[in-house]
Amino acid sequence: MAAVRIPPALRAEVGGARELEARGDTVGDVIDDLVERYPALGGQLLQDGELASFVNVYLGGEDIRTRDGLETPVRESENVILLPAMAGGN
């Protein structure tokens, strides 16, 4: 299983958890596992079945967009970090 770090902006959707374990052979599978268990995450992470443009996902400290995107392989006990972009201000 992969350890998925949940940022403060998404913790309400997962009952306040800072980190969750998720199953999957790819980053997409890991996200699908999370969304299946926590459906509210789907609207925060995905658009039309793809990773939303405002969401960054890191695997082993590297942005998955520089690798194979959602098809990036995930090994046992790797860390996945979800980071939705924050915007605001005047």
PDB file of N, CA and C in Angstrom:
ATOM      1  N   MET A   1       0.824  -1.185   0.000  1.00  0.00           N
ATOM      2  CA  MET A   1       0.000   0.000   0.000  1.00  0.00           C
ATOM      3  C   MET A   1       0.868   1.248   0.000  1.00  0.00           C
ATOM      4  N   ALA A   2       0.350   2.283  -0.605  1.00  0.00           N
ATOM      5  CA  ALA A   2       1.026   3.572  -0.608  1.00  0.00           C
ATOM      6  C   ALA A   2       0.482   4.422   0.533  1.00  0.00           C
ATOM      7  N   ALA A   3       1.330   5.248   1.089  1.00  0.00           N
ATOM      8  CA  ALA A   3       0.914   6.228   2.086  1.00  0.00           C
ATOM      9  C   ALA A   3       0.605   7.521   1.339  1.00  0.00           C
ATOM     10  N   VAL A   4      -0.604   8.050   1.525  1.00  0.00           N
ATOM     11  CA  VAL A   4      -1.023   9.262   0.829  1.00  0.00           C
ATOM     12  C   VAL A   4      -1.181  10.377   1.851  1.00  0.00           C
ATOM     13  N   ARG A   5      -0.397  11.433   1.680  1.00  0.00           N
ATOM     14  CA  ARG A   5      -0.502  12.585   2.574  1.00  0.00           C
ATOM     15  C   ARG A   5      -1.634  13.477   2.106  1.00  0.00           C
ATOM     16  N   ILE A   6      -2.477  13.826   3.063  1.00  0.00           N
ATOM     17  CA  ILE A   6      -3.647  14.643   2.771  1.00  0.00           C
ATOM     18  C   ILE A   6      -3.399  16.056   3.295  1.00  0.00           C
ATOM     19  N   PRO A   7      -3.445  17.073   2.425  1.00  0.00           N
ATOM     20  CA  PRO A   7      -3.205  18.439   2.883  1.00  0.00           C
ATOM     21  C   PRO A   7      -4.409  18.969   3.673  1.00  0.00           C
ATOM     22  N   PRO A   8      -4.196  19.998   4.482  1.00  0.00           N
ATOM     23  CA  PRO A   8      -5.299  20.558   5.284  1.00  0.00           C
ATOM     24  C   PRO A   8      -6.546  20.890   4.473  1.00  0.00           C
ATOM     25  N   ALA A   9      -6.386  21.366   3.246  1.00  0.00           N
ATOM     26  CA  ALA A   9      -7.538  21.756   2.427  1.00  0.00           C
ATOM     27  C   ALA A   9      -8.440  20.582   2.065  1.00  0.00           C
ATOM     28  N   LEU A  10      -7.938  19.354   2.149  1.00  0.00           N
ATOM     29  CA  LEU A  10      -8.740  18.176   1.782  1.00  0.00           C
ATOM     30  C   LEU A  10      -9.116  17.296   2.968  1.00  0.00           C
ATOM     31  N   ARG A  11      -8.663  17.647   4.135  1.00  0.00           N
ATOM     32  CA  ARG A  11      -8.892  16.773   5.294  1.00  0.00           C
ATOM     33  C   ARG A  11     -10.354  16.637   5.689  1.00  0.00           C
ATOM     34  N   ALA A  12     -11.157  17.641   5.452  1.00  0.00           N
ATOM     35  CA  ALA A  12     -12.587  17.536   5.792  1.00  0.00           C
ATOM     36  C   ALA A  12     -13.247  16.406   5.008  1.00  0.00           C
ATOM     37  N   GLU A  13     -12.779  16.177   3.774  1.00  0.00           N
ATOM     38  CA  GLU A  13     -13.361  15.127   2.933  1.00  0.00           C
ATOM     39  C   GLU A  13     -12.984  13.721   3.384  1.00  0.00           C
ATOM     40  N   VAL A  14     -11.949  13.613   4.233  1.00  0.00           N
ATOM     41  CA  VAL A  14     -11.484  12.300   4.674  1.00  0.00           C
ATOM     42  C   VAL A  14     -11.542  12.164   6.197  1.00  0.00           C
ATOM     43  N   GLY A  15     -12.438  12.883   6.823  1.00  0.00           N
ATOM     44  CA  GLY A  15     -12.622  12.764   8.267  1.00  0.00           C
ATOM     45  C   GLY A  15     -11.467  13.314   9.087  1.00  0.00           C
ATOM     46  N   GLY A  16     -10.711  14.246   8.522  1.00  0.00           N
ATOM     47  CA  GLY A  16      -9.628  14.875   9.264  1.00  0.00           C
ATOM     48  C   GLY A  16      -8.288  14.175   9.203  1.00  0.00           C
ATOM     49  N   ALA A  17      -8.203  13.081   8.470  1.00  0.00           N
ATOM     50  CA  ALA A  17      -6.945  12.319   8.411  1.00  0.00           C
ATOM     51  C   ALA A  17      -5.836  13.106   7.721  1.00  0.00           C
ATOM     52  N   ARG A  18      -4.626  13.012   8.281  1.00  0.00           N
ATOM     53  CA  ARG A  18      -3.443  13.638   7.675  1.00  0.00           C
ATOM     54  C   ARG A  18      -2.813  12.719   6.642  1.00  0.00           C
ATOM     55  N   GLU A  19      -3.004  11.422   6.819  1.00  0.00           N
ATOM     56  CA  GLU A  19      -2.406  10.438   5.928  1.00  0.00           C
ATOM     57  C   GLU A  19      -3.321   9.224   5.863  1.00  0.00           C
ATOM     58  N   LEU A  20      -3.424   8.657   4.682  1.00  0.00           N
ATOM     59  CA  LEU A  20      -4.223   7.451   4.466  1.00  0.00           C
ATOM     60  C   LEU A  20      -3.394   6.445   3.682  1.00  0.00           C
ATOM     61  N   GLU A  21      -3.742   5.198   3.818  1.00  0.00           N
ATOM     62  CA  GLU A  21      -3.147   4.172   2.978  1.00  0.00           C
ATOM     63  C   GLU A  21      -4.106   3.877   1.844  1.00  0.00           C
ATOM     64  N   ALA A  22      -3.534   3.634   0.666  1.00  0.00           N
ATOM     65  CA  ALA A  22      -4.361   3.334  -0.498  1.00  0.00           C
ATOM     66  C   ALA A  22      -3.662   2.281  -1.349  1.00  0.00           C
ATOM     67  N   ARG A  23      -4.466   1.494  -2.024  1.00  0.00           N
ATOM     68  CA  ARG A  23      -3.961   0.425  -2.880  1.00  0.00           C
ATOM     69  C   ARG A  23      -3.965   0.872  -4.331  1.00  0.00           C
ATOM     70  N   GLY A  24      -3.004   0.337  -5.064  1.00  0.00           N
ATOM     71  CA  GLY A  24      -2.986   0.582  -6.495  1.00  0.00           C
ATOM     72  C   GLY A  24      -1.609   0.381  -7.081  1.00  0.00           C
ATOM     73  N   ASP A  25      -1.584  -0.016  -8.345  1.00  0.00           N
ATOM     74  CA  ASP A  25      -0.323  -0.221  -9.059  1.00  0.00           C
ATOM     75  C   ASP A  25       0.181   1.069  -9.702  1.00  0.00           C
ATOM     76  N   THR A  26      -0.747   2.029  -9.902  1.00  0.00           N
ATOM     77  CA  THR A  26      -0.384   3.316 -10.498  1.00  0.00           C
ATOM     78  C   THR A  26      -0.958   4.427  -9.621  1.00  0.00           C
ATOM     79  N   VAL A  27      -0.491   5.658  -9.872  1.00  0.00           N
ATOM     80  CA  VAL A  27      -1.039   6.800  -9.130  1.00  0.00           C
ATOM     81  C   VAL A  27      -2.543   6.905  -9.369  1.00  0.00           C
ATOM     82  N   GLY A  28      -2.979   6.675 -10.592  1.00  0.00           N
ATOM     83  CA  GLY A  28      -4.411   6.714 -10.893  1.00  0.00           C
ATOM     84  C   GLY A  28      -5.192   5.692 -10.085  1.00  0.00           C
ATOM     85  N   ASP A  29      -4.640   4.495  -9.944  1.00  0.00           N
ATOM     86  CA  ASP A  29      -5.297   3.456  -9.144  1.00  0.00           C
ATOM     87  C   ASP A  29      -5.383   3.864  -7.676  1.00  0.00           C
ATOM     88  N   VAL A  30      -4.323   4.476  -7.173  1.00  0.00           N
ATOM     89  CA  VAL A  30      -4.304   4.927  -5.777  1.00  0.00           C
ATOM     90  C   VAL A  30      -5.381   5.988  -5.565  1.00  0.00           C
ATOM     91  N   ILE A  31      -5.465   6.942  -6.488  1.00  0.00           N
ATOM     92  CA  ILE A  31      -6.491   7.982  -6.376  1.00  0.00           C
ATOM     93  C   ILE A  31      -7.881   7.375  -6.493  1.00  0.00           C
ATOM     94  N   ASP A  32      -8.069   6.438  -7.419  1.00  0.00           N
ATOM     95  CA  ASP A  32      -9.372   5.763  -7.551  1.00  0.00           C
ATOM     96  C   ASP A  32      -9.765   5.061  -6.257  1.00  0.00           C
ATOM     97  N   ASP A  33      -8.795   4.412  -5.603  1.00  0.00           N
ATOM     98  CA  ASP A  33      -9.071   3.740  -4.330  1.00  0.00           C
ATOM     99  C   ASP A  33      -9.541   4.755  -3.286  1.00  0.00           C
ATOM    100  N   LEU A  34      -8.865   5.888  -3.216  1.00  0.00           N
ATOM    101  CA  LEU A  34      -9.262   6.922  -2.255  1.00  0.00           C
ATOM    102  C   LEU A  34     -10.645   7.472  -2.565  1.00  0.00           C
ATOM    103  N   VAL A  35     -10.905   7.755  -3.842  1.00  0.00           N
ATOM    104  CA  VAL A  35     -12.193   8.333  -4.241  1.00  0.00           C
ATOM    105  C   VAL A  35     -13.333   7.337  -3.999  1.00  0.00           C
ATOM    106  N   GLU A  36     -13.053   6.062  -4.175  1.00  0.00           N
ATOM    107  CA  GLU A  36     -14.082   5.046  -3.904  1.00  0.00           C
ATOM    108  C   GLU A  36     -14.472   5.063  -2.426  1.00  0.00           C
ATOM    109  N   ARG A  37     -13.483   5.228  -1.552  1.00  0.00           N
ATOM    110  CA  ARG A  37     -13.745   5.244  -0.105  1.00  0.00           C
ATOM    111  C   ARG A  37     -14.188   6.613   0.401  1.00  0.00           C
ATOM    112  N   TYR A  38     -13.759   7.662  -0.269  1.00  0.00           N
ATOM    113  CA  TYR A  38     -14.074   9.043   0.126  1.00  0.00           C
ATOM    114  C   TYR A  38     -14.553   9.798  -1.114  1.00  0.00           C
ATOM    115  N   PRO A  39     -15.802   9.583  -1.531  1.00  0.00           N
ATOM    116  CA  PRO A  39     -16.313  10.154  -2.783  1.00  0.00           C
ATOM    117  C   PRO A  39     -16.162  11.670  -2.903  1.00  0.00           C
ATOM    118  N   ALA A  40     -16.194  12.392  -1.810  1.00  0.00           N
ATOM    119  CA  ALA A  40     -16.055  13.852  -1.881  1.00  0.00           C
ATOM    120  C   ALA A  40     -14.702  14.268  -2.447  1.00  0.00           C
ATOM    121  N   LEU A  41     -13.700  13.407  -2.342  1.00  0.00           N
ATOM    122  CA  LEU A  41     -12.388  13.718  -2.907  1.00  0.00           C
ATOM    123  C   LEU A  41     -12.429  13.800  -4.431  1.00  0.00           C
ATOM    124  N   GLY A  42     -13.315  13.047  -5.032  1.00  0.00           N
ATOM    125  CA  GLY A  42     -13.395  13.034  -6.493  1.00  0.00           C
ATOM    126  C   GLY A  42     -13.579  14.422  -7.076  1.00  0.00           C
ATOM    127  N   GLY A  43     -14.482  15.192  -6.511  1.00  0.00           N
ATOM    128  CA  GLY A  43     -14.727  16.545  -6.992  1.00  0.00           C
ATOM    129  C   GLY A  43     -13.582  17.493  -6.734  1.00  0.00           C
ATOM    130  N   GLN A  44     -12.735  17.145  -5.777  1.00  0.00           N
ATOM    131  CA  GLN A  44     -11.589  17.983  -5.435  1.00  0.00           C
ATOM    132  C   GLN A  44     -10.337  17.639  -6.247  1.00  0.00           C
ATOM    133  N   LEU A  45     -10.268  16.407  -6.746  1.00  0.00           N
ATOM    134  CA  LEU A  45      -9.050  15.949  -7.419  1.00  0.00           C
ATOM    135  C   LEU A  45      -9.195  15.729  -8.919  1.00  0.00           C
ATOM    136  N   LEU A  46     -10.406  15.392  -9.363  1.00  0.00           N
ATOM    137  CA  LEU A  46     -10.590  14.963 -10.752  1.00  0.00           C
ATOM    138  C   LEU A  46     -11.545  15.863 -11.521  1.00  0.00           C
ATOM    139  N   GLN A  47     -11.299  15.955 -12.824  1.00  0.00           N
ATOM    140  CA  GLN A  47     -12.205  16.607 -13.767  1.00  0.00           C
ATOM    141  C   GLN A  47     -12.328  15.693 -14.971  1.00  0.00           C
ATOM    142  N   ASP A  48     -13.537  15.254 -15.262  1.00  0.00           N
ATOM    143  CA  ASP A  48     -13.779  14.355 -16.395  1.00  0.00           C
ATOM    144  C   ASP A  48     -12.882  13.120 -16.357  1.00  0.00           C
ATOM    145  N   GLY A  49     -12.675  12.570 -15.175  1.00  0.00           N
ATOM    146  CA  GLY A  49     -11.890  11.352 -15.025  1.00  0.00           C
ATOM    147  C   GLY A  49     -10.390  11.546 -15.067  1.00  0.00           C
ATOM    148  N   GLU A  50      -9.936  12.770 -15.238  1.00  0.00           N
ATOM    149  CA  GLU A  50      -8.511  13.080 -15.283  1.00  0.00           C
ATOM    150  C   GLU A  50      -8.147  13.930 -14.073  1.00  0.00           C
ATOM    151  N   LEU A  51      -6.885  13.971 -13.759  1.00  0.00           N
ATOM    152  CA  LEU A  51      -6.407  14.807 -12.671  1.00  0.00           C
ATOM    153  C   LEU A  51      -6.698  16.259 -13.017  1.00  0.00           C
ATOM    154  N   ALA A  52      -7.343  16.964 -12.097  1.00  0.00           N
ATOM    155  CA  ALA A  52      -7.669  18.369 -12.330  1.00  0.00           C
ATOM    156  C   ALA A  52      -6.388  19.178 -12.500  1.00  0.00           C
ATOM    157  N   SER A  53      -6.444  20.198 -13.338  1.00  0.00           N
ATOM    158  CA  SER A  53      -5.252  20.983 -13.650  1.00  0.00           C
ATOM    159  C   SER A  53      -4.695  21.724 -12.441  1.00  0.00           C
ATOM    160  N   PHE A  54      -5.539  21.968 -11.454  1.00  0.00           N
ATOM    161  CA  PHE A  54      -5.104  22.711 -10.260  1.00  0.00           C
ATOM    162  C   PHE A  54      -4.614  21.796  -9.136  1.00  0.00           C
ATOM    163  N   VAL A  55      -4.491  20.516  -9.413  1.00  0.00           N
ATOM    164  CA  VAL A  55      -4.026  19.556  -8.405  1.00  0.00           C
ATOM    165  C   VAL A  55      -2.646  19.041  -8.808  1.00  0.00           C
ATOM    166  N   ASN A  56      -1.721  19.121  -7.889  1.00  0.00           N
ATOM    167  CA  ASN A  56      -0.387  18.559  -8.095  1.00  0.00           C
ATOM    168  C   ASN A  56      -0.264  17.304  -7.252  1.00  0.00           C
ATOM    169  N   VAL A  57       0.321  16.288  -7.846  1.00  0.00           N
ATOM    170  CA  VAL A  57       0.538  15.030  -7.142  1.00  0.00           C
ATOM    171  C   VAL A  57       2.018  14.693  -7.247  1.00  0.00           C
ATOM    172  N   TYR A  58       2.604  14.385  -6.107  1.00  0.00           N
ATOM    173  CA  TYR A  58       4.023  14.058  -6.052  1.00  0.00           C
ATOM    174  C   TYR A  58       4.194  12.618  -5.583  1.00  0.00           C
ATOM    175  N   LEU A  59       5.101  11.930  -6.217  1.00  0.00           N
ATOM    176  CA  LEU A  59       5.455  10.567  -5.837  1.00  0.00           C
ATOM    177  C   LEU A  59       6.960  10.548  -5.639  1.00  0.00           C
ATOM    178  N   GLY A  60       7.373  10.232  -4.434  1.00  0.00           N
ATOM    179  CA  GLY A  60       8.801  10.243  -4.137  1.00  0.00           C
ATOM    180  C   GLY A  60       9.419  11.611  -4.345  1.00  0.00           C
ATOM    181  N   GLY A  61       8.650  12.667  -4.101  1.00  0.00           N
ATOM    182  CA  GLY A  61       9.141  14.026  -4.232  1.00  0.00           C
ATOM    183  C   GLY A  61       9.142  14.577  -5.646  1.00  0.00           C
ATOM    184  N   GLU A  62       8.656  13.804  -6.618  1.00  0.00           N
ATOM    185  CA  GLU A  62       8.654  14.240  -8.018  1.00  0.00           C
ATOM    186  C   GLU A  62       7.226  14.381  -8.526  1.00  0.00           C
ATOM    187  N   ASP A  63       6.966  15.479  -9.218  1.00  0.00           N
ATOM    188  CA  ASP A  63       5.651  15.731  -9.801  1.00  0.00           C
ATOM    189  C   ASP A  63       5.350  14.635 -10.827  1.00  0.00           C
ATOM    190  N   ILE A  64       4.187  13.989 -10.704  1.00  0.00           N
ATOM    191  CA  ILE A  64       3.858  12.890 -11.620  1.00  0.00           C
ATOM    192  C   ILE A  64       3.685  13.375 -13.048  1.00  0.00           C
ATOM    193  N   ARG A  65       3.435  14.670 -13.247  1.00  0.00           N
ATOM    194  CA  ARG A  65       3.292  15.185 -14.618  1.00  0.00           C
ATOM    195  C   ARG A  65       4.618  15.130 -15.376  1.00  0.00           C
ATOM    196  N   THR A  66       5.733  15.074 -14.657  1.00  0.00           N
ATOM    197  CA  THR A  66       7.030  14.943 -15.320  1.00  0.00           C
ATOM    198  C   THR A  66       7.379  13.475 -15.557  1.00  0.00           C
ATOM    199  N   ARG A  67       6.513  12.609 -15.094  1.00  0.00           N
ATOM    200  CA  ARG A  67       6.719  11.169 -15.292  1.00  0.00           C
ATOM    201  C   ARG A  67       5.637  10.664 -16.237  1.00  0.00           C
ATOM    202  N   ASP A  68       4.834   9.716 -15.798  1.00  0.00           N
ATOM    203  CA  ASP A  68       3.785   9.150 -16.652  1.00  0.00           C
ATOM    204  C   ASP A  68       2.390   9.559 -16.211  1.00  0.00           C
ATOM    205  N   GLY A  69       2.272  10.688 -15.516  1.00  0.00           N
ATOM    206  CA  GLY A  69       0.966  11.157 -15.072  1.00  0.00           C
ATOM    207  C   GLY A  69       0.293  10.125 -14.182  1.00  0.00           C
ATOM    208  N   LEU A  70      -0.991   9.923 -14.399  1.00  0.00           N
ATOM    209  CA  LEU A  70      -1.744   8.969 -13.575  1.00  0.00           C
ATOM    210  C   LEU A  70      -1.299   7.529 -13.797  1.00  0.00           C
ATOM    211  N   GLU A  71      -0.569   7.272 -14.870  1.00  0.00           N
ATOM    212  CA  GLU A  71      -0.060   5.924 -15.150  1.00  0.00           C
ATOM    213  C   GLU A  71       1.286   5.657 -14.481  1.00  0.00           C
ATOM    214  N   THR A  72       1.796   6.617 -13.711  1.00  0.00           N
ATOM    215  CA  THR A  72       3.067   6.437 -13.017  1.00  0.00           C
ATOM    216  C   THR A  72       2.960   5.272 -12.041  1.00  0.00           C
ATOM    217  N   PRO A  73       3.843   4.285 -12.144  1.00  0.00           N
ATOM    218  CA  PRO A  73       3.790   3.132 -11.234  1.00  0.00           C
ATOM    219  C   PRO A  73       4.065   3.541  -9.786  1.00  0.00           C
ATOM    220  N   VAL A  74       3.376   2.854  -8.875  1.00  0.00           N
ATOM    221  CA  VAL A  74       3.557   3.080  -7.434  1.00  0.00           C
ATOM    222  C   VAL A  74       4.014   1.762  -6.819  1.00  0.00           C
ATOM    223  N   ARG A  75       5.144   1.819  -6.117  1.00  0.00           N
ATOM    224  CA  ARG A  75       5.636   0.636  -5.410  1.00  0.00           C
ATOM    225  C   ARG A  75       5.084   0.629  -3.990  1.00  0.00           C
ATOM    226  N   GLU A  76       5.117  -0.543  -3.381  1.00  0.00           N
ATOM    227  CA  GLU A  76       4.687  -0.691  -1.994  1.00  0.00           C
ATOM    228  C   GLU A  76       5.407   0.319  -1.112  1.00  0.00           C
ATOM    229  N   SER A  77       4.710   0.892  -0.215  1.00  0.00           N
ATOM    230  CA  SER A  77       5.198   1.817   0.811  1.00  0.00           C
ATOM    231  C   SER A  77       5.774   3.127   0.269  1.00  0.00           C
ATOM    232  N   GLU A  78       5.470   3.474  -0.988  1.00  0.00           N
ATOM    233  CA  GLU A  78       5.877   4.788  -1.490  1.00  0.00           C
ATOM    234  C   GLU A  78       4.933   5.848  -0.942  1.00  0.00           C
ATOM    235  N   ASN A  79       5.414   7.087  -0.922  1.00  0.00           N
ATOM    236  CA  ASN A  79       4.611   8.203  -0.448  1.00  0.00           C
ATOM    237  C   ASN A  79       4.059   9.002  -1.612  1.00  0.00           C
ATOM    238  N   VAL A  80       2.753   9.236  -1.558  1.00  0.00           N
ATOM    239  CA  VAL A  80       2.060  10.071  -2.534  1.00  0.00           C
ATOM    240  C   VAL A  80       1.607  11.313  -1.787  1.00  0.00           C
ATOM    241  N   ILE A  81       1.865  12.478  -2.371  1.00  0.00           N
ATOM    242  CA  ILE A  81       1.452  13.736  -1.747  1.00  0.00           C
ATOM    243  C   ILE A  81       0.478  14.435  -2.683  1.00  0.00           C
ATOM    244  N   LEU A  82      -0.703  14.776  -2.159  1.00  0.00           N
ATOM    245  CA  LEU A  82      -1.711  15.514  -2.916  1.00  0.00           C
ATOM    246  C   LEU A  82      -1.613  16.978  -2.536  1.00  0.00           C
ATOM    247  N   LEU A  83      -1.506  17.849  -3.536  1.00  0.00           N
ATOM    248  CA  LEU A  83      -1.401  19.283  -3.274  1.00  0.00           C
ATOM    249  C   LEU A  83      -2.281  20.081  -4.240  1.00  0.00           C
ATOM    250  N   PRO A  84      -3.509  20.389  -3.827  1.00  0.00           N
ATOM    251  CA  PRO A  84      -4.306  21.275  -4.670  1.00  0.00           C
ATOM    252  C   PRO A  84      -3.730  22.682  -4.607  1.00  0.00           C
ATOM    253  N   ALA A  85      -3.698  23.350  -5.747  1.00  0.00           N
ATOM    254  CA  ALA A  85      -3.170  24.711  -5.791  1.00  0.00           C
ATOM    255  C   ALA A  85      -4.089  25.630  -5.005  1.00  0.00           C
ATOM    256  N   MET A  86      -3.488  26.572  -4.325  1.00  0.00           N
ATOM    257  CA  MET A  86      -4.241  27.547  -3.550  1.00  0.00           C
ATOM    258  C   MET A  86      -4.196  28.876  -4.311  1.00  0.00           C
ATOM    259  N   ALA A  87      -5.306  29.564  -4.308  1.00  0.00           N
ATOM    260  CA  ALA A  87      -5.370  30.865  -4.971  1.00  0.00           C
ATOM    261  C   ALA A  87      -6.138  31.818  -4.072  1.00  0.00           C
ATOM    262  N   GLY A  88      -5.973  33.063  -4.312  1.00  0.00           N
ATOM    263  CA  GLY A  88      -6.715  34.041  -3.542  1.00  0.00           C
ATOM    264  C   GLY A  88      -5.941  35.312  -3.390  1.00  0.00           C
ATOM    265  N   GLY A  89      -6.437  36.162  -2.554  1.00  0.00           N
ATOM    266  CA  GLY A  89      -5.783  37.436  -2.331  1.00  0.00           C
ATOM    267  C   GLY A  89      -6.444  38.537  -3.124  1.00  0.00           C
ATOM    268  N   ASN A  90      -5.905  39.706  -3.017  1.00  0.00           N
ATOM    269  CA  ASN A  90      -6.461  40.864  -3.729  1.00  0.00           C
ATOM    270  C   ASN A  90      -5.604  41.245  -4.900  1.00  0.00           C
TER     271      ASN A  90
END
